[in-house]
Amino acid sequence: MHGNAFESIEIPAWVWDRDETREILKKRDIAGLFGLAVKYAGASQVRISAATGIAQGRISQHLRGQRQVTDLEVYERIALGLGLPDHARMLLGLAPLDIASPTGDRDHEHEEQAEELAARIEAAAVIDPAMVMILSTDTNNLRLLDRRLGSAAIADKMRAQISQIERAHHHAVRPGIRAQLAHVLSETAALAGWQAIDTCALKDAWDHHERAISAARDADDPALLAYARGQQAYVLTDLGRPAEATELLRHVRTTYDRRVPGHLRTWLAAAEAEAAAILGDEKTCRTALDHAAALLPEGDADPLLPYVSLNRHHLARWRGNCLVRFGDPETIEDLRSALAGMDGTYNRAEAGLRCDLAHALLAVGESDAAQPHIYRAEQLATMTGSRRHARRIAELTRAATRASR
């Protein structure tokens, strides 16, 4: 029934026209493809292995969903081994073998694609400035919820928001609306990127920031571009690459410093200080902190920069976060001042601030004074689902335990 292991695998032509098969191809579902070979060609794992040049053990892993294909050359071998026709190859993301007639008699498929594209462009065409403002307001509301509740509580809403904005932007034709949608997409993707950093999903964080950078370019907005690139430096820092993070932030400041508003200039300087602190470069850190203090405008926020929340209390927190690494005696007062200025709506930020304060107190031998801050930081990190802070809290807890012995 299964045939000789070296016989070609012949899946009936009609199988490739089934909706289920088309979905398998679009998703690049290799387990599903191999399943078609088993079901409709009676192919054994050994026979699939011989046809594709993939070891039989790996074929078994693919069928169980334990292995993924990432190499284009492997997709090509699978397509050839299973005898995919050109229209199936194209759905899988491969070039057709017959360039002159890549899809054969696929007029119906072309009509479906044209109808789907037209429908999406028409849907995007109804978006006007008022609708863009609604999308922007939705993103800002998600930002406020994130500060209080953390990313886990709004994960589904964030995914839906990004998907909706990205789909509209992708199919928007009018340049003005497209640029406005790009602006909202960049803000939203940057927020998702920071949430991914907080949950230690660094690949997702990098990808979100790349999306934010691309959208900022489409929006032709240097402030958004500088912010997204500056925030991406935190991914490098958390990957253990603070030197590259510092270099990136210095480049962003040099490139955009005179082209962006004061609050963002302050933010970029403080971010460079933090990266330098992690690197252990105290001179660069202090210079950047001094620049940040000199650049900080009066007032709490710039309405044109809803993604940058920065005032003197936030900057004091940032300064303490940096200088605690160098044992600066003024750190504790900076951090206490920042804590006094917190308004209770920045729960994740407060968790980080209390970690810094506990760190500073432990450094001067005040372990009893550090304990309440560690406890409260743990409560806030749990509330917001911050894995980034949870890791640091675990380190502080161990340090406090050792100090109390």
Protein backbone atom coordinates (compact mmCIF):
# COMPACT_ATOMS: atom_id res chain seq x y z
CA MET A 1 0.00 0.00 0.00
CA HIS A 2 2.77 2.42 0.89
CA GLY A 3 4.83 1.58 -2.19
CA ASN A 4 8.57 1.43 -2.61
CA ALA A 5 10.48 3.95 -0.53
CA PHE A 6 12.04 5.41 -3.68
CA GLU A 7 8.84 5.78 -5.70
CA SER A 8 7.73 9.36 -6.37
CA ILE A 9 4.90 10.70 -4.24
CA GLU A 10 1.85 11.51 -6.35
CA ILE A 11 -0.85 13.48 -4.56
CA PRO A 12 -4.03 13.83 -6.69
CA ALA A 13 -4.33 17.21 -8.44
CA TRP A 14 -7.73 17.94 -6.91
CA VAL A 15 -6.23 17.84 -3.41
CA TRP A 16 -4.33 21.07 -4.12
CA ASP A 17 -7.59 22.89 -4.90
CA ARG A 18 -9.25 22.14 -1.56
CA ASP A 19 -9.75 25.06 0.83
CA GLU A 20 -8.16 23.05 3.64
CA THR A 21 -5.05 22.45 1.52
CA ARG A 22 -4.82 26.11 0.54
CA GLU A 23 -4.83 27.08 4.24
CA ILE A 24 -2.09 24.52 4.96
CA LEU A 25 0.03 26.05 2.19
CA LYS A 26 -0.60 29.66 3.24
CA LYS A 27 0.39 28.84 6.83
CA ARG A 28 3.44 26.86 5.67
CA ASP A 29 2.12 24.01 7.80
CA ILE A 30 4.69 21.30 7.06
CA ALA A 31 2.97 18.78 9.35
CA GLY A 32 -0.20 19.36 7.35
CA LEU A 33 1.66 18.92 4.04
CA PHE A 34 3.22 15.66 5.13
CA GLY A 35 -0.21 14.60 6.37
CA LEU A 36 -1.57 15.10 2.83
CA ALA A 37 1.16 12.83 1.49
CA VAL A 38 0.25 10.16 4.02
CA LYS A 39 -3.51 10.49 3.50
CA TYR A 40 -3.78 10.89 -0.26
CA ALA A 41 -0.62 9.19 -1.57
CA GLY A 42 -0.24 6.49 1.08
CA ALA A 43 3.32 7.66 1.70
CA SER A 44 5.24 6.35 4.68
CA GLN A 45 7.67 8.46 6.68
CA VAL A 46 10.54 6.61 5.02
CA ARG A 47 9.12 7.39 1.58
CA ILE A 48 8.65 11.10 2.45
CA SER A 49 12.23 11.13 3.76
CA ALA A 50 13.56 9.68 0.51
CA ALA A 51 11.53 12.16 -1.58
CA THR A 52 12.53 15.27 0.36
CA GLY A 53 16.01 14.39 1.59
CA ILE A 54 14.94 15.03 5.20
CA ALA A 55 15.94 12.44 7.80
CA GLN A 56 13.10 10.09 8.76
CA GLY A 57 13.42 11.05 12.43
CA ARG A 58 12.84 14.67 11.54
CA ILE A 59 9.87 13.75 9.38
CA SER A 60 8.37 12.17 12.49
CA GLN A 61 9.07 15.31 14.51
CA HIS A 62 7.43 17.47 11.87
CA LEU A 63 4.33 15.30 11.87
CA ARG A 64 4.09 15.65 15.66
CA GLY A 65 4.53 19.44 15.42
CA GLN A 66 7.84 19.30 17.30
CA ARG A 67 9.98 20.87 14.57
CA GLN A 68 9.57 23.88 12.29
CA VAL A 69 11.11 24.64 8.92
CA THR A 70 12.86 28.00 8.56
CA ASP A 71 15.22 27.39 5.63
CA LEU A 72 13.90 28.27 2.16
CA GLU A 73 15.98 25.50 0.63
CA VAL A 74 14.17 22.93 2.79
CA TYR A 75 10.79 24.27 1.66
CA GLU A 76 12.00 23.87 -1.92
CA ARG A 77 12.99 20.24 -1.34
CA ILE A 78 9.62 19.50 0.24
CA ALA A 79 7.77 21.12 -2.66
CA LEU A 80 9.73 19.11 -5.20
CA GLY A 81 9.47 15.90 -3.23
CA LEU A 82 5.70 16.14 -2.82
CA GLY A 83 5.18 17.29 -6.40
CA LEU A 84 3.49 20.63 -5.65
CA PRO A 85 2.01 22.25 -8.76
CA ASP A 86 2.95 25.87 -9.42
CA HIS A 87 -0.14 27.43 -7.86
CA ALA A 88 0.51 25.40 -4.68
CA ARG A 89 4.19 26.41 -4.69
CA MET A 90 3.18 30.06 -4.84
CA LEU A 91 0.82 29.69 -1.90
CA LEU A 92 3.74 28.15 0.00
CA GLY A 93 5.81 31.23 -0.86
CA LEU A 94 7.99 29.65 -3.56
CA ALA A 95 8.56 30.71 -7.14
CA PRO A 96 6.69 28.76 -9.85
CA LEU A 97 8.66 26.30 -11.93
CA ASP A 98 6.90 27.39 -15.13
CA ILE A 99 7.67 31.12 -15.27
CA ALA A 100 5.79 31.58 -18.55
CA SER A 101 2.56 30.30 -17.01
CA PRO A 102 3.03 30.42 -13.25
CA THR A 103 -0.48 29.50 -12.28
CA GLY A 104 -1.81 27.55 -15.18
CA ASP A 105 -5.55 27.96 -15.42
CA ARG A 106 -5.95 30.01 -12.22
CA ASP A 107 -8.29 32.75 -13.44
CA HIS A 108 -10.74 32.05 -10.63
CA GLU A 109 -7.99 32.42 -8.04
CA HIS A 110 -6.89 35.73 -9.59
CA GLU A 111 -10.45 37.00 -9.46
CA GLU A 112 -10.70 36.08 -5.78
CA GLN A 113 -7.45 37.91 -5.02
CA ALA A 114 -8.59 41.01 -6.90
CA GLU A 115 -11.94 41.01 -5.12
CA GLU A 116 -10.29 40.60 -1.72
CA LEU A 117 -7.81 43.41 -2.38
CA ALA A 118 -10.54 45.72 -3.67
CA ALA A 119 -12.64 45.05 -0.58
CA ARG A 120 -9.73 45.89 1.74
CA ILE A 121 -8.89 49.10 -0.12
CA GLU A 122 -12.55 50.11 0.01
CA ALA A 123 -12.67 49.40 3.74
CA ALA A 124 -9.56 51.55 4.28
CA ALA A 125 -11.02 54.31 2.09
CA VAL A 126 -13.77 55.06 4.62
CA ILE A 127 -11.19 56.03 7.25
CA ASP A 128 -11.12 59.79 7.76
CA PRO A 129 -9.25 62.04 10.23
CA ALA A 130 -11.99 61.56 12.83
CA MET A 131 -11.55 57.78 12.71
CA VAL A 132 -7.78 58.16 12.94
CA MET A 133 -8.30 60.27 16.06
CA ILE A 134 -10.46 57.50 17.56
CA LEU A 135 -7.71 54.95 16.87
CA SER A 136 -5.15 57.29 18.43
CA THR A 137 -7.35 57.75 21.51
CA ASP A 138 -7.73 53.98 21.80
CA THR A 139 -3.94 53.59 21.77
CA ASN A 140 -3.54 56.25 24.44
CA ASN A 141 -6.16 54.55 26.62
CA LEU A 142 -4.24 51.29 26.26
CA ARG A 143 -1.10 53.16 27.32
CA LEU A 144 -2.84 54.40 30.48
CA LEU A 145 -4.14 50.92 31.26
CA ASP A 146 -0.69 49.48 30.72
CA ARG A 147 0.83 51.85 33.28
CA ARG A 148 -1.63 50.70 35.92
CA LEU A 149 -2.34 47.07 35.05
CA GLY A 150 0.58 45.89 32.93
CA SER A 151 0.66 44.26 29.51
CA ALA A 152 -0.91 40.92 30.43
CA ALA A 153 -4.24 42.53 31.29
CA ILE A 154 -4.55 44.19 27.88
CA ALA A 155 -2.67 41.73 25.64
CA ASP A 156 -5.70 40.78 23.54
CA LYS A 157 -6.71 44.42 23.10
CA MET A 158 -3.18 45.35 22.04
CA ARG A 159 -3.06 42.60 19.41
CA ALA A 160 -6.44 43.66 18.04
CA GLN A 161 -5.43 47.33 17.99
CA ILE A 162 -2.19 46.72 16.10
CA SER A 163 -3.92 44.40 13.63
CA GLN A 164 -6.68 46.91 12.92
CA ILE A 165 -4.33 49.87 12.42
CA GLU A 166 -1.82 47.88 10.39
CA ARG A 167 -4.50 46.52 8.06
CA ALA A 168 -5.94 50.00 7.50
CA HIS A 169 -2.50 51.53 6.94
CA HIS A 170 -1.46 48.75 4.55
CA HIS A 171 -4.45 49.42 2.29
CA ALA A 172 -4.79 53.20 2.66
CA VAL A 173 -4.41 55.04 -0.64
CA ARG A 174 -4.80 58.72 0.27
CA PRO A 175 -1.34 60.01 1.31
CA GLY A 176 -2.62 62.21 4.15
CA ILE A 177 -4.64 59.46 5.81
CA ARG A 178 -1.89 56.92 5.22
CA ALA A 179 0.62 59.16 7.02
CA GLN A 180 -1.78 59.69 9.93
CA LEU A 181 -2.36 55.94 10.24
CA ALA A 182 1.41 55.38 10.10
CA HIS A 183 1.79 57.80 13.02
CA VAL A 184 -0.71 55.87 15.16
CA LEU A 185 0.80 52.54 14.10
CA SER A 186 4.28 53.66 15.15
CA GLU A 187 3.04 54.78 18.57
CA THR A 188 1.11 51.54 19.08
CA ALA A 189 3.93 49.28 17.94
CA ALA A 190 6.42 51.10 20.19
CA LEU A 191 4.07 50.56 23.14
CA ALA A 192 3.81 46.87 22.28
CA GLY A 193 7.60 46.76 22.03
CA TRP A 194 8.03 48.15 25.53
CA GLN A 195 5.48 45.67 26.87
CA ALA A 196 7.45 42.85 25.26
CA ILE A 197 10.66 44.12 26.89
CA ASP A 198 8.86 44.09 30.26
CA THR A 199 7.83 40.46 29.77
CA CYS A 200 11.34 39.54 28.53
CA ALA A 201 10.04 38.57 25.06
CA LEU A 202 13.02 40.23 23.40
CA LYS A 203 12.54 38.93 19.84
CA ASP A 204 8.96 40.19 19.87
CA ALA A 205 10.21 43.48 21.30
CA TRP A 206 12.73 43.88 18.49
CA ASP A 207 10.12 43.08 15.83
CA HIS A 208 7.60 45.52 17.30
CA HIS A 209 10.20 48.28 17.28
CA GLU A 210 11.15 47.51 13.69
CA ARG A 211 7.46 47.91 12.83
CA ALA A 212 7.37 51.19 14.77
CA ILE A 213 10.49 52.47 12.98
CA SER A 214 9.12 51.61 9.55
CA ALA A 215 5.78 53.29 10.32
CA ALA A 216 7.55 56.39 11.69
CA ARG A 217 9.42 56.72 8.41
CA ASP A 218 6.16 56.41 6.50
CA ALA A 219 4.68 59.10 8.77
CA ASP A 220 7.77 61.26 8.16
CA ASP A 221 7.92 61.98 11.91
CA PRO A 222 11.46 62.38 13.31
CA ALA A 223 10.22 62.35 16.93
CA LEU A 224 8.51 58.98 16.54
CA LEU A 225 11.52 57.60 14.68
CA ALA A 226 13.95 58.78 17.35
CA TYR A 227 11.75 57.38 20.12
CA ALA A 228 11.32 53.96 18.50
CA ARG A 229 15.03 53.65 17.76
CA GLY A 230 15.94 54.88 21.23
CA GLN A 231 13.58 52.44 22.91
CA GLN A 232 14.94 49.60 20.78
CA ALA A 233 18.27 50.17 22.52
CA TYR A 234 16.69 48.67 25.65
CA VAL A 235 16.37 45.37 23.80
CA LEU A 236 20.13 45.44 23.24
CA THR A 237 20.70 46.25 26.91
CA ASP A 238 18.56 43.35 28.07
CA LEU A 239 20.39 41.07 25.62
CA GLY A 240 23.59 41.92 27.48
CA ARG A 241 24.85 44.33 24.80
CA PRO A 242 25.00 47.69 26.63
CA ALA A 243 27.93 48.98 24.55
CA GLU A 244 25.86 48.69 21.38
CA ALA A 245 22.88 50.21 23.15
CA THR A 246 24.97 53.20 24.22
CA GLU A 247 26.35 53.60 20.71
CA LEU A 248 22.85 53.46 19.22
CA LEU A 249 21.48 56.04 21.64
CA ARG A 250 24.42 58.36 21.05
CA HIS A 251 23.80 58.08 17.31
CA VAL A 252 20.09 58.79 17.72
CA ARG A 253 20.80 61.84 19.87
CA THR A 254 23.35 63.15 17.38
CA THR A 255 21.00 62.61 14.45
CA TYR A 256 17.73 63.86 15.94
CA ASP A 257 18.61 66.01 18.96
CA ARG A 258 17.85 69.35 17.29
CA ARG A 259 14.84 68.02 15.38
CA VAL A 260 12.68 66.79 18.25
CA PRO A 261 10.87 68.47 21.19
CA GLY A 262 12.51 69.11 24.55
CA HIS A 263 10.85 66.28 26.48
CA LEU A 264 12.08 63.75 23.95
CA ARG A 265 15.57 65.25 23.94
CA THR A 266 15.56 64.81 27.72
CA TRP A 267 14.31 61.23 27.38
CA LEU A 268 17.05 60.33 24.91
CA ALA A 269 19.76 61.79 27.15
CA ALA A 270 18.46 59.91 30.19
CA ALA A 271 18.22 56.68 28.18
CA GLU A 272 21.85 57.09 27.10
CA ALA A 273 22.80 57.64 30.75
CA GLU A 274 21.07 54.40 31.75
CA ALA A 275 22.81 52.38 29.05
CA ALA A 276 26.16 53.89 30.05
CA ALA A 277 25.45 53.06 33.71
CA ILE A 278 24.81 49.43 32.85
CA LEU A 279 28.03 49.44 30.84
CA GLY A 280 29.84 50.82 33.89
CA ASP A 281 30.85 54.08 32.17
CA GLU A 282 30.26 56.55 35.01
CA LYS A 283 31.67 59.58 33.19
CA THR A 284 29.36 59.18 30.17
CA CYS A 285 26.46 58.41 32.48
CA ARG A 286 26.88 61.57 34.57
CA THR A 287 27.42 63.75 31.50
CA ALA A 288 24.24 62.44 29.91
CA LEU A 289 22.28 62.94 33.15
CA ASP A 290 23.49 66.54 33.35
CA HIS A 291 22.37 67.08 29.77
CA ALA A 292 18.98 65.58 30.56
CA ALA A 293 18.51 67.89 33.55
CA ALA A 294 19.46 70.93 31.48
CA LEU A 295 17.12 69.95 28.62
CA LEU A 296 14.02 69.17 30.71
CA PRO A 297 11.29 71.74 29.87
CA GLU A 298 8.91 73.16 32.42
CA GLY A 299 5.64 71.28 32.91
CA ASP A 300 4.71 67.65 33.20
CA ALA A 301 4.15 66.59 29.60
CA ASP A 302 4.11 67.63 25.98
CA PRO A 303 0.64 66.95 24.48
CA LEU A 304 2.32 66.21 21.16
CA LEU A 305 4.33 63.40 22.80
CA PRO A 306 1.82 61.22 24.68
CA TYR A 307 4.33 58.36 24.61
CA VAL A 308 6.87 60.36 26.68
CA SER A 309 5.87 60.90 30.30
CA LEU A 310 8.63 62.87 31.93
CA ASN A 311 8.90 65.51 34.66
CA ARG A 312 11.40 66.32 37.40
CA HIS A 313 10.17 63.43 39.58
CA HIS A 314 10.53 60.93 36.74
CA LEU A 315 13.99 62.30 35.97
CA ALA A 316 14.97 61.98 39.64
CA ARG A 317 13.87 58.33 39.47
CA TRP A 318 15.95 57.84 36.35
CA ARG A 319 18.97 59.53 37.92
CA GLY A 320 18.69 57.27 40.95
CA ASN A 321 18.34 54.19 38.76
CA CYS A 322 21.61 55.11 37.04
CA LEU A 323 23.73 56.26 39.97
CA VAL A 324 22.74 53.45 42.32
CA ARG A 325 25.14 51.33 40.25
CA PHE A 326 28.06 53.54 41.31
CA GLY A 327 27.22 53.79 45.01
CA ASP A 328 26.48 57.50 44.85
CA PRO A 329 25.48 58.70 48.37
CA GLU A 330 22.88 61.09 46.92
CA THR A 331 21.00 58.24 45.25
CA ILE A 332 18.77 57.45 48.22
CA GLU A 333 17.49 61.01 48.50
CA ASP A 334 16.94 61.20 44.73
CA LEU A 335 14.90 58.03 44.85
CA ARG A 336 12.91 59.07 47.90
CA SER A 337 12.12 62.36 46.20
CA ALA A 338 10.98 60.53 43.09
CA LEU A 339 8.82 58.17 45.14
CA ALA A 340 7.16 61.10 46.88
CA GLY A 341 6.31 62.55 43.49
CA MET A 342 4.65 59.39 42.13
CA ASP A 343 0.91 59.88 41.60
CA GLY A 344 -0.14 56.23 41.93
CA THR A 345 -0.86 55.67 38.23
CA TYR A 346 2.57 54.32 37.25
CA ASN A 347 2.52 50.95 38.98
CA ARG A 348 5.19 49.29 36.87
CA ALA A 349 7.45 52.34 37.13
CA GLU A 350 6.94 52.40 40.89
CA ALA A 351 8.02 48.76 41.08
CA GLY A 352 11.28 49.69 39.36
CA LEU A 353 11.76 52.73 41.58
CA ARG A 354 11.32 50.67 44.75
CA CYS A 355 13.80 48.13 43.42
CA ASP A 356 16.32 50.95 42.96
CA LEU A 357 15.65 52.29 46.45
CA ALA A 358 16.00 48.84 48.00
CA HIS A 359 19.26 48.37 46.09
CA ALA A 360 20.60 51.69 47.41
CA LEU A 361 19.57 50.92 50.99
CA LEU A 362 21.16 47.48 50.87
CA ALA A 363 24.36 49.07 49.56
CA VAL A 364 24.63 51.22 52.72
CA GLY A 365 23.77 48.31 55.01
CA GLU A 366 20.16 49.28 55.76
CA SER A 367 18.58 45.90 54.99
CA ASP A 368 15.62 46.44 57.34
CA ALA A 369 14.71 49.68 55.54
CA ALA A 370 15.02 47.92 52.18
CA GLN A 371 12.57 45.10 53.01
CA PRO A 372 9.31 47.11 52.73
CA HIS A 373 10.34 48.40 49.32
CA ILE A 374 11.17 44.90 48.08
CA TYR A 375 7.80 43.66 49.35
CA ARG A 376 5.88 46.48 47.67
CA ALA A 377 7.87 46.11 44.45
CA GLU A 378 6.96 42.42 44.40
CA GLN A 379 3.27 43.26 44.82
CA LEU A 380 3.39 45.75 41.94
CA ALA A 381 5.40 43.46 39.67
CA THR A 382 2.89 40.68 40.26
CA MET A 383 -0.01 43.06 39.59
CA THR A 384 1.49 44.25 36.30
CA GLY A 385 2.96 40.91 35.23
CA SER A 386 6.45 42.38 34.90
CA ARG A 387 8.94 39.55 34.44
CA ARG A 388 11.73 42.10 34.05
CA HIS A 389 11.15 43.51 37.54
CA ALA A 390 10.42 40.06 38.98
CA ARG A 391 13.93 38.92 38.06
CA ARG A 392 15.46 41.90 39.80
CA ILE A 393 13.25 41.49 42.87
CA ALA A 394 14.46 37.89 43.19
CA GLU A 395 18.07 39.13 43.20
CA LEU A 396 17.29 41.80 45.80
CA THR A 397 15.48 39.29 47.99
CA ARG A 398 18.53 37.03 47.98
CA ALA A 399 20.78 39.98 48.79
CA ALA A 400 18.51 41.08 51.65
CA THR A 401 18.47 37.53 53.06
CA ARG A 402 22.26 37.37 53.03
CA ALA A 403 22.50 40.82 54.68
CA SER A 404 20.16 39.82 57.52
CA ARG A 405 22.14 36.75 58.51
